C-alpha atoms as a PDB file:
ATOM      1  CA  MET A   1     -12.159 -10.425  11.644  1.00  0.00           C
ATOM      2  CA  PRO A   2     -12.508  -8.441   8.901  1.00  0.00           C
ATOM      3  CA  LYS A   3      -9.945  -8.913   6.390  1.00  0.00           C
ATOM      4  CA  ILE A   4      -7.373  -5.320   5.356  1.00  0.00           C
ATOM      5  CA  THR A   5      -6.204  -4.857   2.192  1.00  0.00           C
ATOM      6  CA  ILE A   6      -3.217  -2.953   1.933  1.00  0.00           C
ATOM      7  CA  ARG A   7      -2.133  -1.611  -1.741  1.00  0.00           C
ATOM      8  CA  ALA A   8       0.568   1.032  -2.981  1.00  0.00           C
ATOM      9  CA  GLY A   9       1.664   2.454  -6.377  1.00  0.00           C
ATOM     10  CA  GLN A  10       1.857   5.891  -7.893  1.00  0.00           C
ATOM     11  CA  TRP A  11      -0.588   8.136  -7.660  1.00  0.00           C
ATOM     12  CA  GLU A  12      -2.163   9.212 -10.090  1.00  0.00           C
ATOM     13  CA  GLU A  13      -1.492  13.353 -10.345  1.00  0.00           C
ATOM     14  CA  ASP A  14       2.071  12.687 -10.207  1.00  0.00           C
ATOM     15  CA  ARG A  15       3.452   8.974 -11.328  1.00  0.00           C
ATOM     16  CA  ASN A  16       6.485   9.672  -9.453  1.00  0.00           C
ATOM     17  CA  ARG A  17       4.458   9.882  -5.895  1.00  0.00           C
ATOM     18  CA  ILE A  18       3.116   7.009  -4.243  1.00  0.00           C
ATOM     19  CA  ARG A  19      -0.175   6.611  -2.772  1.00  0.00           C
ATOM     20  CA  VAL A  20      -0.868   4.225  -0.222  1.00  0.00           C
ATOM     21  CA  ARG A  21      -4.651   3.069   0.580  1.00  0.00           C
ATOM     22  CA  ILE A  22      -6.122   0.851   3.187  1.00  0.00           C
ATOM     23  CA  TRP A  23      -9.173  -1.304   3.540  1.00  0.00           C
ATOM     24  CA  ARG A  24     -11.381  -3.209   5.841  1.00  0.00           C
ATOM     25  CA  GLU A  25     -13.531  -5.815   3.293  1.00  0.00           C
ATOM     26  CA  SER A  26     -16.513  -4.635   4.411  1.00  0.00           C
ATOM     27  CA  GLU A  27     -15.869  -1.693   3.573  1.00  0.00           C
ATOM     28  CA  ILE A  28     -15.949   0.440  -0.423  1.00  0.00           C
ATOM     29  CA  GLU A  29     -13.903   3.573   0.696  1.00  0.00           C
ATOM     30  CA  PRO A  30     -10.314   2.881   2.329  1.00  0.00           C
ATOM     31  CA  PHE A  31      -9.732   3.970   6.007  1.00  0.00           C
ATOM     32  CA  VAL A  32      -6.126   5.318   4.906  1.00  0.00           C
ATOM     33  CA  ASP A  33      -5.930   7.456   1.745  1.00  0.00           C
ATOM     34  CA  ILE A  34      -2.531   9.172   1.983  1.00  0.00           C
ATOM     35  CA  VAL A  35       0.172  10.176  -0.256  1.00  0.00           C
ATOM     36  CA  LEU A  36       3.744   9.483   1.124  1.00  0.00           C
ATOM     37  CA  GLY A  37       5.705  12.407   1.766  1.00  0.00           C
ATOM     38  CA  GLU A  38       9.171  12.328   0.521  1.00  0.00           C
ATOM     39  CA  TRP A  39      11.671  10.993   3.828  1.00  0.00           C
ATOM     40  CA  ARG A  40       9.043   8.138   3.548  1.00  0.00           C
ATOM     41  CA  GLN A  41       8.796   8.144  -0.466  1.00  0.00           C
ATOM     42  CA  ARG A  42      12.656   7.960  -0.542  1.00  0.00           C
ATOM     43  CA  LEU A  43      12.424   4.853   2.618  1.00  0.00           C
ATOM     44  CA  TYR A  44       9.522   3.000   0.379  1.00  0.00           C
ATOM     45  CA  ARG A  45      12.046   2.362  -2.131  1.00  0.00           C
ATOM     46  CA  GLU A  46      14.725   1.811  -0.383  1.00  0.00           C
ATOM     47  CA  MET A  47      12.146  -1.056   2.231  1.00  0.00           C
ATOM     48  CA  PRO A  48       8.454  -1.194   0.835  1.00  0.00           C
ATOM     49  CA  ALA A  49       7.350  -4.560   2.891  1.00  0.00           C
ATOM     50  CA  MET A  50       9.014  -2.861   6.183  1.00  0.00           C
ATOM     51  CA  THR A  51       7.756   0.856   4.918  1.00  0.00           C
ATOM     52  CA  LEU A  52       3.694  -0.565   4.384  1.00  0.00           C
ATOM     53  CA  TRP A  53       3.834  -2.183   7.735  1.00  0.00           C
ATOM     54  CA  PHE A  54       5.234   0.834   9.813  1.00  0.00           C
ATOM     55  CA  ILE A  55       2.299   2.574   7.970  1.00  0.00           C
ATOM     56  CA  ALA A  56       0.241   0.261   8.691  1.00  0.00           C
ATOM     57  CA  GLU A  57       0.687  -0.769  12.154  1.00  0.00           C
ATOM     58  CA  GLU A  58       0.670   3.216  12.886  1.00  0.00           C
ATOM     59  CA  ASN A  59      -2.685   3.029  11.781  1.00  0.00           C
ATOM     60  CA  GLY A  60      -4.388   0.501  13.495  1.00  0.00           C
ATOM     61  CA  VAL A  61      -3.843  -2.395  11.782  1.00  0.00           C
ATOM     62  CA  VAL A  62      -3.626  -5.531  14.417  1.00  0.00           C
ATOM     63  CA  SER A  63      -0.884  -7.616  12.506  1.00  0.00           C
ATOM     64  CA  PRO A  64       0.081  -6.011   9.204  1.00  0.00           C
ATOM     65  CA  PRO A  65       1.087  -8.794   6.371  1.00  0.00           C
ATOM     66  CA  LYS A  66       5.523  -9.040   6.053  1.00  0.00           C
ATOM     67  CA  THR A  67       4.638 -10.027   2.252  1.00  0.00           C
ATOM     68  CA  PHE A  68       3.676  -7.999  -0.334  1.00  0.00           C
ATOM     69  CA  ARG A  69       2.486  -8.891  -4.120  1.00  0.00           C
ATOM     70  CA  LYS A  70       2.873  -7.429  -7.778  1.00  0.00           C
ATOM     71  CA  ASP A  71      -0.716  -6.861  -9.296  1.00  0.00           C
ATOM     72  CA  TYR A  72       0.128  -5.369 -12.610  1.00  0.00           C
ATOM     73  CA  HIS A  73      -1.449  -2.679 -14.122  1.00  0.00           C
ATOM     74  CA  ASN A  74      -1.694  -4.401 -18.111  1.00  0.00           C
ATOM     75  CA  ASP A  75       0.484  -6.220 -19.372  1.00  0.00           C
ATOM     76  CA  TYR A  76       1.783  -3.754 -21.876  1.00  0.00           C
ATOM     77  CA  ASN A  77       3.592  -1.503 -19.186  1.00  0.00           C
ATOM     78  CA  PRO A  78       5.695  -4.089 -16.248  1.00  0.00           C
ATOM     79  CA  PHE A  79       7.384  -0.812 -14.515  1.00  0.00           C
ATOM     80  CA  LEU A  80       2.872  -0.120 -13.430  1.00  0.00           C
ATOM     81  CA  TYR A  81       1.922  -2.543 -10.633  1.00  0.00           C
ATOM     82  CA  ASP A  82       1.025  -2.101  -7.117  1.00  0.00           C
ATOM     83  CA  LEU A  83       2.339  -3.929  -4.046  1.00  0.00           C
ATOM     84  CA  VAL A  84      -0.628  -5.239  -2.177  1.00  0.00           C
ATOM     85  CA  GLY A  85      -0.317  -7.175   0.734  1.00  0.00           C
ATOM     86  CA  GLU A  86      -3.631  -8.589   2.804  1.00  0.00           C
ATOM     87  CA  CYS A  87      -3.899  -9.924   6.270  1.00  0.00           C
ATOM     88  CA  GLU A  88      -6.621 -10.467   9.097  1.00  0.00           C
ATOM     89  CA  GLY A  89      -7.382  -6.926  10.628  1.00  0.00           C
END
Protein backbone atom coordinates (compact mmCIF):
# COMPACT_ATOMS: atom_id res chain seq x y z
CA MET A 1 0.00 0.00 0.00
CA PRO A 2 1.31 3.45 -0.82
CA LYS A 3 2.17 5.90 1.90
CA ILE A 4 -0.34 8.74 2.42
CA THR A 5 0.83 12.19 3.58
CA ILE A 6 -1.58 14.71 5.11
CA ARG A 7 -0.41 18.31 5.43
CA ALA A 8 -2.40 21.20 6.92
CA GLY A 9 -1.27 24.77 7.43
CA GLN A 10 -1.98 28.40 6.75
CA TRP A 11 -3.28 29.12 3.26
CA GLU A 12 -0.82 31.28 1.30
CA GLU A 13 -3.54 33.61 -0.03
CA ASP A 14 -5.18 34.26 3.35
CA ARG A 15 -3.15 33.44 6.48
CA ASN A 16 -6.33 33.26 8.58
CA ARG A 17 -7.58 30.21 6.64
CA ILE A 18 -6.34 26.61 6.84
CA ARG A 19 -5.48 24.58 3.74
CA VAL A 20 -5.47 20.76 3.83
CA ARG A 21 -3.70 18.63 1.23
CA ILE A 22 -3.47 14.83 1.02
CA TRP A 23 -0.99 12.98 -1.25
CA ARG A 24 -0.32 9.41 -2.21
CA GLU A 25 3.38 8.53 -2.25
CA SER A 26 3.55 7.91 -6.00
CA GLU A 27 1.64 11.06 -7.06
CA ILE A 28 3.00 14.56 -7.60
CA GLU A 29 -0.27 16.44 -7.10
CA PRO A 30 -2.45 16.01 -3.99
CA PHE A 31 -5.75 14.16 -4.51
CA VAL A 32 -7.33 16.38 -1.83
CA ASP A 33 -6.62 20.13 -1.80
CA ILE A 34 -9.17 22.13 0.17
CA VAL A 35 -9.40 25.34 2.18
CA LEU A 36 -11.47 24.79 5.30
CA GLY A 37 -14.79 26.54 5.66
CA GLU A 38 -15.79 28.48 8.75
CA TRP A 39 -17.24 25.54 10.70
CA ARG A 40 -14.39 23.12 9.96
CA GLN A 41 -11.84 25.83 10.66
CA ARG A 42 -13.33 26.36 14.12
CA LEU A 43 -13.23 22.60 14.71
CA TYR A 44 -9.61 22.50 13.46
CA ARG A 45 -8.60 25.21 15.97
CA GLU A 46 -10.09 23.14 18.82
CA MET A 47 -9.08 19.62 17.70
CA PRO A 48 -6.63 19.67 14.76
CA ALA A 49 -5.69 15.98 14.66
CA MET A 50 -9.29 14.78 14.90
CA THR A 51 -10.42 17.22 12.18
CA LEU A 52 -7.68 16.04 9.81
CA TRP A 53 -8.51 12.43 10.63
CA PHE A 54 -12.17 12.98 9.66
CA ILE A 55 -11.24 14.83 6.44
CA ALA A 56 -8.89 12.01 5.43
CA GLU A 57 -11.50 9.35 6.19
CA GLU A 58 -14.12 11.27 4.17
CA ASN A 59 -11.78 11.24 1.19
CA GLY A 60 -11.12 7.50 1.19
CA VAL A 61 -8.04 7.11 3.40
CA VAL A 62 -8.63 3.73 5.07
CA SER A 63 -6.63 4.22 8.28
CA PRO A 64 -5.72 7.90 8.74
CA PRO A 65 -2.97 8.86 11.20
CA LYS A 66 -4.04 9.81 14.71
CA THR A 67 -0.90 11.77 15.53
CA PHE A 68 0.63 14.65 13.61
CA ARG A 69 3.97 16.42 13.90
CA LYS A 70 4.78 20.09 13.47
CA ASP A 71 6.81 20.86 10.36
CA TYR A 72 8.25 24.37 10.82
CA HIS A 73 8.72 26.62 7.78
CA ASN A 74 11.77 28.35 9.22
CA ASP A 75 13.62 28.86 12.50
CA TYR A 76 12.71 32.53 12.79
CA ASN A 77 8.94 32.21 13.09
CA PRO A 78 7.86 29.47 15.53
CA PHE A 79 4.19 30.17 14.81
CA LEU A 80 4.43 29.33 11.09
CA TYR A 81 4.22 25.55 10.74
CA ASP A 82 2.21 22.78 9.08
CA LEU A 83 0.79 19.72 10.79
CA VAL A 84 1.96 16.61 8.95
CA GLY A 85 0.75 13.03 9.37
CA GLU A 86 1.74 9.90 7.46
CA CYS A 87 0.04 6.53 7.20
CA GLU A 88 -0.37 3.55 4.92
CA GLY A 89 -2.98 4.05 2.21
